[in-house]
Amino acid sequence: MDERTLLAVDDYPPNLRLLVKLLSKFACTVLTAESGVEGLAILGSRRVDLALLDIEMPGMTGVELARRIRSNPALESVPLIAVSAYPDASVEVKSAGFVDFLTKPLDRAKLFELVEKYIGRRPG
């Protein structure tokens, strides 16, 4: 089975640790970034099969990061899932090019369903 790489971008370390713990169940490489700038750098240097982006981050927001990703032909096909504590942000994220939306606190079943949908692999 080919190696899959997932990227989680969130400025709050406990959220990243939770995402790594949950995403690791997919037997994938899980990369993390604590800012939009760091996430963009990773995307520019590594192949990523799916990215989960926090919407509210200082500096570059997840929405701005998504727009930059979508404007880069080399990255435009990477599925992006928005993660936010604000359920009403779903309209804004769709216009930024996200394929899906998760609210915090994370619903583990919904997270697993979406990751499986976009990487074609079930959690172990």
Protein backbone atom coordinates (compact mmCIF):
# COMPACT_ATOMS: atom_id res chain seq x y z
CA MET A 1 0.00 0.00 0.00
CA ASP A 2 1.40 3.40 -0.91
CA GLU A 3 2.40 5.81 1.85
CA ARG A 4 -0.08 8.60 2.50
CA THR A 5 0.83 11.91 4.07
CA LEU A 6 -1.58 14.06 6.06
CA LEU A 7 -0.94 17.62 7.23
CA ALA A 8 -2.56 19.18 10.30
CA VAL A 9 -2.20 22.95 10.76
CA ASP A 10 -3.30 24.51 14.06
CA ASP A 11 -1.74 27.19 16.25
CA TYR A 12 -2.82 25.45 19.47
CA PRO A 13 -0.44 22.55 20.35
CA PRO A 14 -3.05 20.46 22.26
CA ASN A 15 -5.25 20.46 19.13
CA LEU A 16 -2.28 19.29 17.03
CA ARG A 17 -1.49 16.50 19.50
CA LEU A 18 -5.11 15.31 19.34
CA LEU A 19 -5.12 15.39 15.54
CA VAL A 20 -1.83 13.47 15.37
CA LYS A 21 -3.20 10.85 17.76
CA LEU A 22 -6.39 10.40 15.73
CA LEU A 23 -4.84 10.63 12.25
CA SER A 24 -2.09 8.15 13.17
CA LYS A 25 -4.78 5.46 13.20
CA PHE A 26 -4.73 5.63 9.39
CA ALA A 27 -1.15 4.27 9.21
CA CYS A 28 -0.04 7.46 7.47
CA THR A 29 2.71 9.97 7.93
CA VAL A 30 1.23 12.90 9.86
CA LEU A 31 2.97 16.24 9.50
CA THR A 32 2.12 19.24 11.68
CA ALA A 33 2.47 22.98 11.42
CA GLU A 34 1.67 25.62 14.04
CA SER A 35 1.03 28.43 11.55
CA GLY A 36 -0.24 29.04 8.06
CA VAL A 37 3.23 30.10 6.95
CA GLU A 38 4.73 26.86 8.26
CA GLY A 39 1.94 24.84 6.64
CA LEU A 40 2.53 26.52 3.29
CA ALA A 41 6.25 25.75 3.53
CA ILE A 42 5.53 22.07 4.19
CA LEU A 43 3.11 21.92 1.28
CA GLY A 44 5.77 23.45 -0.95
CA SER A 45 8.36 20.85 0.00
CA ARG A 46 6.40 17.60 0.56
CA ARG A 47 3.67 15.70 -1.20
CA VAL A 48 0.55 15.90 0.97
CA ASP A 49 -2.56 13.80 0.32
CA LEU A 50 -4.89 15.69 2.66
CA ALA A 51 -4.61 18.82 4.81
CA LEU A 52 -6.69 19.81 7.83
CA LEU A 53 -6.47 23.53 8.49
CA ASP A 54 -7.58 25.46 11.55
CA ILE A 55 -9.49 28.55 10.43
CA GLU A 56 -8.61 30.93 13.27
CA MET A 57 -4.83 31.38 13.44
CA PRO A 58 -2.76 34.51 14.00
CA GLY A 59 -0.88 35.81 11.00
CA MET A 60 -2.14 33.75 8.08
CA THR A 61 -5.62 32.36 8.73
CA GLY A 62 -6.68 28.96 7.47
CA VAL A 63 -8.89 30.66 4.88
CA GLU A 64 -5.96 32.70 3.56
CA LEU A 65 -3.79 29.58 3.54
CA ALA A 66 -6.47 27.71 1.55
CA ARG A 67 -6.66 30.51 -1.01
CA ARG A 68 -2.87 30.44 -1.44
CA ILE A 69 -2.94 26.66 -1.86
CA ARG A 70 -5.74 26.87 -4.44
CA SER A 71 -3.83 29.54 -6.40
CA ASN A 72 -0.81 27.25 -6.78
CA PRO A 73 -1.27 24.80 -9.69
CA ALA A 74 1.04 22.27 -8.00
CA LEU A 75 -1.14 22.21 -4.87
CA GLU A 76 -4.66 22.91 -6.13
CA SER A 77 -5.70 19.24 -6.05
CA VAL A 78 -4.83 18.68 -2.35
CA PRO A 79 -8.12 18.13 -0.48
CA LEU A 80 -8.50 20.69 2.33
CA ILE A 81 -10.69 20.18 5.38
CA ALA A 82 -11.45 23.25 7.51
CA VAL A 83 -11.46 22.84 11.28
CA SER A 84 -13.17 25.55 13.33
CA ALA A 85 -14.89 26.18 16.64
CA TYR A 86 -17.32 28.41 14.73
CA PRO A 87 -19.99 26.42 12.85
CA ASP A 88 -21.10 29.53 10.96
CA ALA A 89 -17.69 29.67 9.22
CA SER A 90 -18.76 26.89 6.83
CA VAL A 91 -19.96 29.33 4.16
CA GLU A 92 -16.66 31.22 4.10
CA VAL A 93 -14.59 28.03 3.90
CA LYS A 94 -16.49 26.67 0.90
CA SER A 95 -15.65 29.82 -1.08
CA ALA A 96 -11.97 29.43 -0.13
CA GLY A 97 -11.74 25.97 -1.72
CA PHE A 98 -12.17 23.62 1.22
CA VAL A 99 -13.77 20.29 0.38
CA ASP A 100 -15.26 19.80 3.84
CA PHE A 101 -15.71 21.27 7.29
CA LEU A 102 -15.29 19.94 10.85
CA THR A 103 -16.29 21.75 14.00
CA LYS A 104 -14.44 21.71 17.32
CA PRO A 105 -14.61 19.84 19.53
CA LEU A 106 -13.84 17.20 16.94
CA ASP A 107 -16.31 14.43 16.32
CA ARG A 108 -14.00 11.44 15.98
CA ALA A 109 -16.43 9.46 13.80
CA LYS A 110 -16.92 12.41 11.41
CA LEU A 111 -13.15 13.00 11.25
CA PHE A 112 -12.53 9.34 10.42
CA GLU A 113 -15.31 9.36 7.81
CA LEU A 114 -13.85 12.39 6.03
CA VAL A 115 -10.25 11.21 6.13
CA GLU A 116 -11.29 7.81 4.78
CA LYS A 117 -13.31 9.54 2.03
CA TYR A 118 -10.36 11.62 0.83
CA ILE A 119 -7.42 9.20 1.24
CA GLY A 120 -9.23 5.94 0.55
CA ARG A 121 -7.91 4.25 3.68
CA ARG A 122 -9.74 3.05 6.79
CA PRO A 123 -8.42 3.65 10.31
CA GLY A 124 -6.71 0.65 11.87
